[in-house]
């Protein structure tokens, strides 16, 4: 994925405005005691959806196929 790609997030169309790396602690797969020193950054995207910007991990986004 790259900037200006259209994606689906939580069932809504969104536009990628920025790509960056950040850390996220997933309590569903990791311990509940947060330790950001124990994890590596992962790819994130800033997306514009429904009038707001959100920072989300790339793995949570689904690309929209624009070819017709």
N, C-alpha and C. Protein backbone atom coordinates (compact mmCIF):
# COMPACT_ATOMS: atom_id res chain seq x y z
N UNK A 1 0.84 -1.18 0.00
CA UNK A 1 0.00 0.00 0.00
C UNK A 1 0.88 1.24 0.00
N UNK A 2 0.32 2.32 -0.53
CA UNK A 2 1.07 3.57 -0.59
C UNK A 2 0.12 4.75 -0.38
N UNK A 3 0.70 5.92 -0.21
CA UNK A 3 -0.09 7.14 -0.03
C UNK A 3 -1.02 7.32 -1.22
N UNK A 4 -2.22 7.74 -0.96
CA UNK A 4 -3.31 7.98 -1.93
C UNK A 4 -4.03 6.71 -2.36
N UNK A 5 -3.68 5.55 -1.80
CA UNK A 5 -4.44 4.34 -2.07
C UNK A 5 -5.77 4.38 -1.31
N UNK A 6 -6.78 3.78 -1.91
CA UNK A 6 -8.07 3.62 -1.25
C UNK A 6 -8.09 2.26 -0.56
N UNK A 7 -8.60 2.25 0.67
CA UNK A 7 -8.65 1.03 1.47
C UNK A 7 -9.99 0.93 2.19
N UNK A 8 -10.25 -0.25 2.73
CA UNK A 8 -11.42 -0.47 3.57
C UNK A 8 -10.94 -0.64 5.00
N UNK A 9 -11.57 0.06 5.94
CA UNK A 9 -11.28 -0.04 7.37
C UNK A 9 -12.59 -0.05 8.12
N UNK A 10 -12.86 -1.09 8.84
CA UNK A 10 -14.11 -1.25 9.60
C UNK A 10 -15.34 -1.04 8.71
N UNK A 11 -15.25 -1.52 7.47
CA UNK A 11 -16.38 -1.44 6.55
C UNK A 11 -16.56 -0.10 5.85
N UNK A 12 -15.62 0.83 6.05
CA UNK A 12 -15.72 2.16 5.44
C UNK A 12 -14.56 2.38 4.48
N UNK A 13 -14.81 3.07 3.38
CA UNK A 13 -13.75 3.45 2.46
C UNK A 13 -12.91 4.54 3.10
N UNK A 14 -11.60 4.46 2.90
CA UNK A 14 -10.67 5.43 3.48
C UNK A 14 -9.55 5.71 2.50
N UNK A 15 -8.88 6.84 2.68
CA UNK A 15 -7.76 7.26 1.85
C UNK A 15 -6.50 7.30 2.70
N UNK A 16 -5.42 6.65 2.25
CA UNK A 16 -4.15 6.70 2.98
C UNK A 16 -3.49 8.05 2.71
N UNK A 17 -3.18 8.79 3.79
CA UNK A 17 -2.55 10.11 3.65
C UNK A 17 -1.09 10.11 4.07
N UNK A 18 -0.67 9.09 4.84
CA UNK A 18 0.71 9.04 5.33
C UNK A 18 1.03 7.60 5.73
N UNK A 19 2.28 7.21 5.53
CA UNK A 19 2.77 5.92 5.99
C UNK A 19 3.90 6.16 6.99
N UNK A 20 3.92 5.39 8.07
CA UNK A 20 4.94 5.56 9.10
C UNK A 20 5.04 4.27 9.90
N UNK A 21 5.93 4.21 10.88
CA UNK A 21 6.05 3.06 11.76
C UNK A 21 5.71 3.48 13.18
N UNK A 22 5.06 2.58 13.89
CA UNK A 22 4.69 2.83 15.28
C UNK A 22 4.60 1.50 16.01
N UNK A 23 4.55 1.55 17.31
CA UNK A 23 4.40 0.35 18.11
C UNK A 23 2.95 0.23 18.57
N UNK A 24 2.48 -1.01 18.63
CA UNK A 24 1.14 -1.26 19.13
C UNK A 24 1.21 -2.50 20.02
N UNK A 25 0.56 -2.43 21.16
CA UNK A 25 0.52 -3.55 22.09
C UNK A 25 -0.84 -4.20 22.01
N UNK A 26 -0.87 -5.45 21.59
CA UNK A 26 -2.14 -6.18 21.43
C UNK A 26 -2.35 -7.08 22.64
N UNK A 27 -3.25 -6.67 23.51
CA UNK A 27 -3.49 -7.45 24.73
C UNK A 27 -4.15 -8.79 24.43
N UNK A 28 -4.72 -8.95 23.25
CA UNK A 28 -5.33 -10.22 22.90
C UNK A 28 -4.29 -11.31 22.61
N UNK A 29 -3.09 -10.89 22.16
CA UNK A 29 -2.05 -11.87 21.85
C UNK A 29 -0.81 -11.71 22.73
N UNK A 30 -0.69 -10.58 23.42
CA UNK A 30 0.45 -10.33 24.28
C UNK A 30 -0.06 -10.20 25.72
N UNK A 31 0.85 -10.20 26.67
CA UNK A 31 0.49 -10.07 28.07
C UNK A 31 -0.23 -8.74 28.31
N UNK A 32 -1.01 -8.66 29.36
CA UNK A 32 -1.72 -7.42 29.67
C UNK A 32 -0.80 -6.33 30.22
N UNK A 33 0.36 -6.72 30.75
CA UNK A 33 1.34 -5.75 31.23
C UNK A 33 2.09 -5.19 30.03
N UNK A 34 1.88 -3.92 29.71
CA UNK A 34 2.45 -3.30 28.52
C UNK A 34 3.95 -3.07 28.71
N UNK A 35 4.74 -3.48 27.69
CA UNK A 35 6.18 -3.29 27.70
C UNK A 35 6.61 -2.94 26.27
N UNK A 36 6.57 -1.65 25.93
CA UNK A 36 6.90 -1.23 24.57
C UNK A 36 8.37 -1.48 24.22
N UNK A 37 9.23 -1.66 25.21
CA UNK A 37 10.63 -1.96 24.94
C UNK A 37 10.82 -3.37 24.38
N UNK A 38 9.82 -4.22 24.54
CA UNK A 38 9.92 -5.61 24.10
C UNK A 38 9.40 -5.85 22.69
N UNK A 39 8.89 -4.82 22.04
CA UNK A 39 8.32 -4.99 20.70
C UNK A 39 8.97 -4.05 19.70
N UNK A 40 8.89 -4.44 18.43
CA UNK A 40 9.44 -3.63 17.34
C UNK A 40 8.31 -2.81 16.70
N UNK A 41 8.65 -1.65 16.11
CA UNK A 41 7.63 -0.88 15.38
C UNK A 41 7.13 -1.67 14.17
N UNK A 42 5.91 -1.39 13.78
CA UNK A 42 5.34 -2.03 12.60
C UNK A 42 4.75 -0.95 11.69
N UNK A 43 4.50 -1.29 10.42
CA UNK A 43 3.97 -0.30 9.48
C UNK A 43 2.56 0.16 9.87
N UNK A 44 2.37 1.46 9.83
CA UNK A 44 1.08 2.09 10.11
C UNK A 44 0.71 3.00 8.95
N UNK A 45 -0.55 3.34 8.87
CA UNK A 45 -1.02 4.32 7.88
C UNK A 45 -1.91 5.33 8.59
N UNK A 46 -1.78 6.59 8.21
CA UNK A 46 -2.74 7.59 8.64
C UNK A 46 -3.79 7.62 7.54
N UNK A 47 -5.04 7.40 7.92
CA UNK A 47 -6.11 7.33 6.92
C UNK A 47 -7.14 8.42 7.20
N UNK A 48 -7.76 8.86 6.11
CA UNK A 48 -8.85 9.84 6.19
C UNK A 48 -10.14 9.09 5.91
N UNK A 49 -11.01 9.03 6.92
CA UNK A 49 -12.27 8.31 6.78
C UNK A 49 -13.38 9.06 7.53
N UNK A 50 -14.48 9.26 6.86
CA UNK A 50 -15.65 9.93 7.45
C UNK A 50 -15.30 11.29 8.07
N UNK A 51 -14.37 12.02 7.44
CA UNK A 51 -14.02 13.36 7.88
C UNK A 51 -12.97 13.43 8.98
N UNK A 52 -12.41 12.30 9.39
CA UNK A 52 -11.42 12.28 10.46
C UNK A 52 -10.18 11.51 10.04
N UNK A 53 -9.04 11.84 10.67
CA UNK A 53 -7.79 11.11 10.46
C UNK A 53 -7.62 10.09 11.58
N UNK A 54 -7.19 8.87 11.21
CA UNK A 54 -6.93 7.81 12.17
C UNK A 54 -5.58 7.19 11.84
N UNK A 55 -4.82 6.81 12.85
CA UNK A 55 -3.59 6.05 12.65
C UNK A 55 -3.88 4.58 12.94
N UNK A 56 -3.68 3.72 11.96
CA UNK A 56 -4.00 2.30 12.12
C UNK A 56 -2.89 1.43 11.53
N UNK A 57 -2.70 0.23 12.09
CA UNK A 57 -1.72 -0.70 11.50
C UNK A 57 -2.13 -1.11 10.09
N UNK A 58 -1.16 -1.27 9.21
CA UNK A 58 -1.46 -1.68 7.84
C UNK A 58 -2.19 -3.02 7.78
N UNK A 59 -1.91 -3.91 8.72
CA UNK A 59 -2.56 -5.22 8.69
C UNK A 59 -4.07 -5.13 8.91
N UNK A 60 -4.55 -3.99 9.43
CA UNK A 60 -5.99 -3.79 9.66
C UNK A 60 -6.70 -3.19 8.44
N UNK A 61 -5.96 -2.93 7.36
CA UNK A 61 -6.54 -2.31 6.17
C UNK A 61 -6.64 -3.30 5.04
N UNK A 62 -7.70 -3.17 4.23
CA UNK A 62 -7.88 -4.02 3.06
C UNK A 62 -7.88 -3.11 1.83
N UNK A 63 -6.99 -3.34 0.86
CA UNK A 63 -6.95 -2.48 -0.32
C UNK A 63 -8.22 -2.63 -1.16
N UNK A 64 -8.62 -1.51 -1.75
CA UNK A 64 -9.74 -1.52 -2.70
C UNK A 64 -9.15 -1.69 -4.10
N UNK A 65 -9.60 -2.68 -4.83
CA UNK A 65 -9.13 -2.91 -6.19
C UNK A 65 -9.77 -1.88 -7.11
N UNK A 66 -8.96 -0.99 -7.66
CA UNK A 66 -9.48 0.10 -8.50
C UNK A 66 -9.52 -0.26 -9.97
N UNK A 67 -9.00 -1.41 -10.36
CA UNK A 67 -9.03 -1.77 -11.77
C UNK A 67 -10.43 -2.25 -12.16
N UNK A 68 -10.87 -1.84 -13.33
CA UNK A 68 -12.21 -2.19 -13.77
C UNK A 68 -12.16 -2.82 -15.13
